[in-house]
Amino acid sequence: MRTKICGITSYEDAITAIEAGADAIGFVFYEKSPRYISSLDAKQIIKKLPPFIEKVGLFVNVDAQIINSLMQESGCTLAQIHFQAPNMLYEQLFVPYIKVTRAKEPKDILEYKDEYRLVDAYCDAYGGAGKRLNIEWFKNIDCSKIILAGGLDPQNVASLKEYNFYGVDVSSGVEISHGIKDPSKVKEFIANAK
């Protein structure tokens, strides 16, 4: 499974994740998040990173102009649209993007089923808050285009291999505190996912 370490706020955490084998790192451009980072601070991290790593900008409740602008300013390579956006927003984006489903019930995981997408647990706050989806929902479903998020950690990620998810996305499950990663947990998570 491919791995994304989200909620990166420092170069040290970014390079730890990359050296441990992360395929992508995520930057939260949502000001109400405890993991928020400005596009200019993200740029300072991104410009020091090695090539061939996906740099994901996470967005909540903003328009296409803001997304395009912050993506360009930061140097991120993929926009993660973490809210129900109208089709017109996607048409106005100049950057590659991935849609997010915040699943409340089993049928929700089939939203955007023909596209690569991220599926997270629904909660009132954006970002899953460490809440885990019922893994039974994914039995007998084609998960090859799903990046699973929500409540994952180094202990439970290995149990997902049988589902053939495209990837997994973690933030709080590998942290010491909001936005500060635990290097040993990051390494263990990636090793167990792969």
C-alpha atoms as a PDB file:
ATOM      1  CA  MET A   1       0.000   0.000   0.000  1.00  0.00           C
ATOM      2  CA  ARG A   2       1.146   3.508  -0.723  1.00  0.00           C
ATOM      3  CA  THR A   3       1.479   5.742   2.300  1.00  0.00           C
ATOM      4  CA  LYS A   4       0.797   9.399   3.011  1.00  0.00           C
ATOM      5  CA  ILE A   5       1.859  11.119   6.212  1.00  0.00           C
ATOM      6  CA  CYS A   6      -0.436  14.128   6.633  1.00  0.00           C
ATOM      7  CA  GLY A   7      -0.346  17.187   8.865  1.00  0.00           C
ATOM      8  CA  ILE A   8       3.329  17.930   8.237  1.00  0.00           C
ATOM      9  CA  THR A   9       4.455  21.169   9.911  1.00  0.00           C
ATOM     10  CA  SER A  10       8.259  20.871   9.890  1.00  0.00           C
ATOM     11  CA  TYR A  11      11.071  19.894   7.548  1.00  0.00           C
ATOM     12  CA  GLU A  12      12.277  17.337  10.115  1.00  0.00           C
ATOM     13  CA  ASP A  13       8.942  15.508  10.080  1.00  0.00           C
ATOM     14  CA  ALA A  14       8.774  15.661   6.279  1.00  0.00           C
ATOM     15  CA  ILE A  15      12.235  14.206   5.731  1.00  0.00           C
ATOM     16  CA  THR A  16      11.700  11.541   8.422  1.00  0.00           C
ATOM     17  CA  ALA A  17       8.564  10.389   6.582  1.00  0.00           C
ATOM     18  CA  ILE A  18      10.280  10.410   3.181  1.00  0.00           C
ATOM     19  CA  GLU A  19      13.361   8.559   4.420  1.00  0.00           C
ATOM     20  CA  ALA A  20      11.067   5.963   6.018  1.00  0.00           C
ATOM     21  CA  GLY A  21       9.470   5.374   2.606  1.00  0.00           C
ATOM     22  CA  ALA A  22       6.386   7.619   2.502  1.00  0.00           C
ATOM     23  CA  ASP A  23       5.009   8.102  -1.016  1.00  0.00           C
ATOM     24  CA  ALA A  24       3.320  11.385  -0.118  1.00  0.00           C
ATOM     25  CA  ILE A  25       3.270  14.018   2.587  1.00  0.00           C
ATOM     26  CA  GLY A  26       0.374  16.309   3.369  1.00  0.00           C
ATOM     27  CA  PHE A  27       0.099  19.967   4.314  1.00  0.00           C
ATOM     28  CA  VAL A  28      -3.129  21.242   5.896  1.00  0.00           C
ATOM     29  CA  PHE A  29      -4.182  24.618   4.466  1.00  0.00           C
ATOM     30  CA  TYR A  30      -7.246  24.811   6.734  1.00  0.00           C
ATOM     31  CA  GLU A  31      -6.820  27.531   9.338  1.00  0.00           C
ATOM     32  CA  LYS A  32      -9.073  25.904  11.962  1.00  0.00           C
ATOM     33  CA  SER A  33      -6.920  22.775  12.061  1.00  0.00           C
ATOM     34  CA  PRO A  34      -4.321  22.326  14.825  1.00  0.00           C
ATOM     35  CA  ARG A  35      -2.048  21.109  11.993  1.00  0.00           C
ATOM     36  CA  TYR A  36      -2.517  24.235   9.859  1.00  0.00           C
ATOM     37  CA  ILE A  37       0.488  25.505   7.942  1.00  0.00           C
ATOM     38  CA  SER A  38       0.695  28.576   5.726  1.00  0.00           C
ATOM     39  CA  SER A  39       1.510  28.122   2.057  1.00  0.00           C
ATOM     40  CA  LEU A  40       4.748  30.074   2.532  1.00  0.00           C
ATOM     41  CA  ASP A  41       5.862  27.870   5.450  1.00  0.00           C
ATOM     42  CA  ALA A  42       4.996  24.786   3.383  1.00  0.00           C
ATOM     43  CA  LYS A  43       7.060  26.211   0.514  1.00  0.00           C
ATOM     44  CA  GLN A  44      10.110  26.517   2.796  1.00  0.00           C
ATOM     45  CA  ILE A  45       9.801  22.802   3.587  1.00  0.00           C
ATOM     46  CA  ILE A  46       8.961  21.646   0.059  1.00  0.00           C
ATOM     47  CA  LYS A  47      11.880  23.405  -1.634  1.00  0.00           C
ATOM     48  CA  LYS A  48      14.320  21.314   0.446  1.00  0.00           C
ATOM     49  CA  LEU A  49      12.686  17.944  -0.308  1.00  0.00           C
ATOM     50  CA  PRO A  50      13.986  15.305  -2.724  1.00  0.00           C
ATOM     51  CA  PRO A  51      12.181  14.684  -6.042  1.00  0.00           C
ATOM     52  CA  PHE A  52       9.511  12.046  -6.803  1.00  0.00           C
ATOM     53  CA  ILE A  53       7.503  12.655  -3.628  1.00  0.00           C
ATOM     54  CA  GLU A  54       3.861  13.732  -3.901  1.00  0.00           C
ATOM     55  CA  LYS A  55       3.234  16.916  -1.926  1.00  0.00           C
ATOM     56  CA  VAL A  56      -0.453  17.179  -1.061  1.00  0.00           C
ATOM     57  CA  GLY A  57      -2.272  20.357  -0.038  1.00  0.00           C
ATOM     58  CA  LEU A  58      -5.464  19.759   1.965  1.00  0.00           C
ATOM     59  CA  PHE A  59      -8.333  22.225   1.522  1.00  0.00           C
ATOM     60  CA  VAL A  60     -11.663  22.770   3.291  1.00  0.00           C
ATOM     61  CA  ASN A  61     -14.499  25.069   2.156  1.00  0.00           C
ATOM     62  CA  VAL A  62     -12.565  27.375  -0.163  1.00  0.00           C
ATOM     63  CA  ASP A  63     -13.012  28.244  -3.818  1.00  0.00           C
ATOM     64  CA  ALA A  64     -10.950  27.130  -6.812  1.00  0.00           C
ATOM     65  CA  GLN A  65      -9.072  30.429  -7.010  1.00  0.00           C
ATOM     66  CA  ILE A  66      -7.733  30.015  -3.466  1.00  0.00           C
ATOM     67  CA  ILE A  67      -6.805  26.382  -4.104  1.00  0.00           C
ATOM     68  CA  ASN A  68      -4.970  27.233  -7.334  1.00  0.00           C
ATOM     69  CA  SER A  69      -3.182  30.133  -5.658  1.00  0.00           C
ATOM     70  CA  LEU A  70      -2.045  28.257  -2.531  1.00  0.00           C
ATOM     71  CA  MET A  71      -0.947  25.248  -4.597  1.00  0.00           C
ATOM     72  CA  GLN A  72       1.211  27.488  -6.774  1.00  0.00           C
ATOM     73  CA  GLU A  73       2.623  29.441  -3.806  1.00  0.00           C
ATOM     74  CA  SER A  74       3.502  26.323  -1.812  1.00  0.00           C
ATOM     75  CA  GLY A  75       4.796  24.027  -4.540  1.00  0.00           C
ATOM     76  CA  CYS A  76       2.321  21.274  -3.654  1.00  0.00           C
ATOM     77  CA  THR A  77       1.637  18.812  -6.471  1.00  0.00           C
ATOM     78  CA  LEU A  78      -1.839  17.435  -5.587  1.00  0.00           C
ATOM     79  CA  ALA A  79      -4.875  19.136  -4.031  1.00  0.00           C
ATOM     80  CA  GLN A  80      -6.960  17.105  -1.575  1.00  0.00           C
ATOM     81  CA  ILE A  81     -10.504  18.484  -1.609  1.00  0.00           C
ATOM     82  CA  HIS A  82     -11.796  17.642   1.854  1.00  0.00           C
ATOM     83  CA  PHE A  83     -15.356  18.920   1.434  1.00  0.00           C
ATOM     84  CA  GLN A  84     -18.422  18.477  -0.782  1.00  0.00           C
ATOM     85  CA  ALA A  85     -17.521  20.721  -3.688  1.00  0.00           C
ATOM     86  CA  PRO A  86     -19.656  21.493  -6.747  1.00  0.00           C
ATOM     87  CA  ASN A  87     -18.471  20.101 -10.098  1.00  0.00           C
ATOM     88  CA  MET A  88     -17.716  23.658 -11.218  1.00  0.00           C
ATOM     89  CA  LEU A  89     -14.948  23.904  -8.599  1.00  0.00           C
ATOM     90  CA  TYR A  90     -13.133  20.889 -10.056  1.00  0.00           C
ATOM     91  CA  GLU A  91     -13.485  22.319 -13.569  1.00  0.00           C
ATOM     92  CA  GLN A  92     -11.766  25.523 -12.422  1.00  0.00           C
ATOM     93  CA  LEU A  93      -8.741  23.821 -10.879  1.00  0.00           C
ATOM     94  CA  PHE A  94      -5.428  24.103 -12.724  1.00  0.00           C
ATOM     95  CA  VAL A  95      -3.845  21.389 -10.564  1.00  0.00           C
ATOM     96  CA  PRO A  96      -4.281  17.642 -10.112  1.00  0.00           C
ATOM     97  CA  TYR A  97      -6.706  16.844  -7.296  1.00  0.00           C
ATOM     98  CA  ILE A  98      -8.239  14.025  -5.302  1.00  0.00           C
ATOM     99  CA  LYS A  99     -11.748  14.030  -3.860  1.00  0.00           C
ATOM    100  CA  VAL A 100     -12.506  12.994  -0.285  1.00  0.00           C
ATOM    101  CA  THR A 101     -15.560  11.115   0.940  1.00  0.00           C
ATOM    102  CA  ARG A 102     -16.370  11.594   4.612  1.00  0.00           C
ATOM    103  CA  ALA A 103     -18.293   8.344   5.098  1.00  0.00           C
ATOM    104  CA  LYS A 104     -21.214   8.105   7.542  1.00  0.00           C
ATOM    105  CA  GLU A 105     -22.614   4.785   6.290  1.00  0.00           C
ATOM    106  CA  PRO A 106     -21.556   1.889   4.030  1.00  0.00           C
ATOM    107  CA  LYS A 107     -23.026   3.290   0.799  1.00  0.00           C
ATOM    108  CA  ASP A 108     -20.886   6.442   1.157  1.00  0.00           C
ATOM    109  CA  ILE A 109     -17.669   4.555   0.400  1.00  0.00           C
ATOM    110  CA  LEU A 110     -18.915   4.005  -3.170  1.00  0.00           C
ATOM    111  CA  GLU A 111     -19.057   7.746  -3.877  1.00  0.00           C
ATOM    112  CA  TYR A 112     -16.727   8.578  -6.800  1.00  0.00           C
ATOM    113  CA  LYS A 113     -16.172   4.821  -7.208  1.00  0.00           C
ATOM    114  CA  ASP A 114     -14.672   5.189 -10.682  1.00  0.00           C
ATOM    115  CA  GLU A 115     -11.999   7.624  -9.465  1.00  0.00           C
ATOM    116  CA  TYR A 116      -9.035   7.403  -7.140  1.00  0.00           C
ATOM    117  CA  ARG A 117     -10.353   8.922  -3.919  1.00  0.00           C
ATOM    118  CA  LEU A 118      -9.684   9.245  -0.228  1.00  0.00           C
ATOM    119  CA  VAL A 119     -12.246   7.789   2.184  1.00  0.00           C
ATOM    120  CA  ASP A 120     -12.233   9.150   5.730  1.00  0.00           C
ATOM    121  CA  ALA A 121     -14.544   8.734   8.716  1.00  0.00           C
ATOM    122  CA  TYR A 122     -17.213  11.413   8.998  1.00  0.00           C
ATOM    123  CA  CYS A 123     -17.075  13.711  11.995  1.00  0.00           C
ATOM    124  CA  ASP A 124     -18.321  17.254  12.547  1.00  0.00           C
ATOM    125  CA  ALA A 125     -14.813  18.692  12.493  1.00  0.00           C
ATOM    126  CA  TYR A 126     -12.819  18.326   9.279  1.00  0.00           C
ATOM    127  CA  GLY A 127     -10.058  15.779   9.423  1.00  0.00           C
ATOM    128  CA  GLY A 128     -11.184  12.498  10.932  1.00  0.00           C
ATOM    129  CA  ALA A 129     -10.047  13.342  14.481  1.00  0.00           C
ATOM    130  CA  GLY A 130      -8.613   9.842  14.721  1.00  0.00           C
ATOM    131  CA  LYS A 131     -12.052   8.290  14.191  1.00  0.00           C
ATOM    132  CA  ARG A 132     -11.950   4.896  12.472  1.00  0.00           C
ATOM    133  CA  LEU A 133     -14.276   3.597   9.785  1.00  0.00           C
ATOM    134  CA  ASN A 134     -15.904   0.194  10.126  1.00  0.00           C
ATOM    135  CA  ILE A 135     -13.534  -1.962   8.088  1.00  0.00           C
ATOM    136  CA  GLU A 136     -16.357  -4.472   7.458  1.00  0.00           C
ATOM    137  CA  TRP A 137     -17.857  -1.948   5.034  1.00  0.00           C
ATOM    138  CA  PHE A 138     -15.005  -2.678   2.626  1.00  0.00           C
ATOM    139  CA  LYS A 139     -15.513  -6.447   2.417  1.00  0.00           C
ATOM    140  CA  ASN A 140     -16.285  -7.534  -1.171  1.00  0.00           C
ATOM    141  CA  ILE A 141     -15.699  -3.976  -2.464  1.00  0.00           C
ATOM    142  CA  ASP A 142     -13.060  -3.068  -5.050  1.00  0.00           C
ATOM    143  CA  CYS A 143     -10.703  -0.990  -2.882  1.00  0.00           C
ATOM    144  CA  SER A 144      -7.966  -0.621  -5.509  1.00  0.00           C
ATOM    145  CA  LYS A 145      -8.764   3.092  -6.009  1.00  0.00           C
ATOM    146  CA  ILE A 146      -9.349   3.916  -2.331  1.00  0.00           C
ATOM    147  CA  ILE A 147      -6.900   5.665  -0.028  1.00  0.00           C
ATOM    148  CA  LEU A 148      -8.143   4.868   3.475  1.00  0.00           C
ATOM    149  CA  ALA A 149      -7.865   7.443   6.268  1.00  0.00           C
ATOM    150  CA  GLY A 150      -9.237   7.760   9.766  1.00  0.00           C
ATOM    151  CA  GLY A 151      -8.067   6.155  12.979  1.00  0.00           C
ATOM    152  CA  LEU A 152      -5.073   4.386  11.474  1.00  0.00           C
ATOM    153  CA  ASP A 153      -1.907   3.715  13.451  1.00  0.00           C
ATOM    154  CA  PRO A 154       1.173   1.466  13.320  1.00  0.00           C
ATOM    155  CA  GLN A 155      -0.696  -1.354  15.101  1.00  0.00           C
ATOM    156  CA  ASN A 156      -3.810  -1.612  12.899  1.00  0.00           C
ATOM    157  CA  VAL A 157      -2.490  -0.701   9.436  1.00  0.00           C
ATOM    158  CA  ALA A 158      -1.029  -4.139   8.674  1.00  0.00           C
ATOM    159  CA  SER A 159      -4.491  -5.715   9.057  1.00  0.00           C
ATOM    160  CA  LEU A 160      -5.690  -3.790   5.980  1.00  0.00           C
ATOM    161  CA  LYS A 161      -3.514  -5.584   3.420  1.00  0.00           C
ATOM    162  CA  GLU A 162      -6.184  -8.150   2.492  1.00  0.00           C
ATOM    163  CA  TYR A 163      -8.477  -5.349   1.236  1.00  0.00           C
ATOM    164  CA  ASN A 164      -6.032  -4.202  -1.458  1.00  0.00           C
ATOM    165  CA  PHE A 165      -6.415  -0.482  -0.746  1.00  0.00           C
ATOM    166  CA  TYR A 166      -4.454   1.763  -3.103  1.00  0.00           C
ATOM    167  CA  GLY A 167      -3.046   3.559  -0.090  1.00  0.00           C
ATOM    168  CA  VAL A 168      -3.395   4.708   3.493  1.00  0.00           C
ATOM    169  CA  ASP A 169      -3.266   8.192   5.000  1.00  0.00           C
ATOM    170  CA  VAL A 170      -2.348   8.922   8.618  1.00  0.00           C
ATOM    171  CA  SER A 171      -1.915  12.004  10.777  1.00  0.00           C
ATOM    172  CA  SER A 172      -2.841  11.730  14.466  1.00  0.00           C
ATOM    173  CA  GLY A 173      -1.941   8.023  14.614  1.00  0.00           C
ATOM    174  CA  VAL A 174       1.778   8.848  14.310  1.00  0.00           C
ATOM    175  CA  GLU A 175       1.924  12.007  16.435  1.00  0.00           C
ATOM    176  CA  ILE A 176       3.358  13.055  19.773  1.00  0.00           C
ATOM    177  CA  SER A 177       1.008  16.077  19.723  1.00  0.00           C
ATOM    178  CA  HIS A 178      -0.965  17.965  17.039  1.00  0.00           C
ATOM    179  CA  GLY A 179       1.364  18.549  14.087  1.00  0.00           C
ATOM    180  CA  ILE A 180       4.415  16.974  15.761  1.00  0.00           C
ATOM    181  CA  LYS A 181       5.248  13.509  14.439  1.00  0.00           C
ATOM    182  CA  ASP A 182       6.819  10.675  16.414  1.00  0.00           C
ATOM    183  CA  PRO A 183       9.668   9.405  14.186  1.00  0.00           C
ATOM    184  CA  SER A 184       9.472   5.845  15.497  1.00  0.00           C
ATOM    185  CA  LYS A 185       5.707   5.670  14.908  1.00  0.00           C
ATOM    186  CA  VAL A 186       6.111   7.108  11.386  1.00  0.00           C
ATOM    187  CA  LYS A 187       8.732   4.469  10.533  1.00  0.00           C
ATOM    188  CA  GLU A 188       6.693   1.649  12.069  1.00  0.00           C
ATOM    189  CA  PHE A 189       3.499   2.758  10.287  1.00  0.00           C
ATOM    190  CA  ILE A 190       5.159   2.841   6.873  1.00  0.00           C
ATOM    191  CA  ALA A 191       6.957  -0.476   7.422  1.00  0.00           C
ATOM    192  CA  ASN A 192       3.715  -2.163   8.499  1.00  0.00           C
ATOM    193  CA  ALA A 193       1.726  -0.683   5.603  1.00  0.00           C
ATOM    194  CA  LYS A 194       4.267  -1.833   3.025  1.00  0.00           C
END
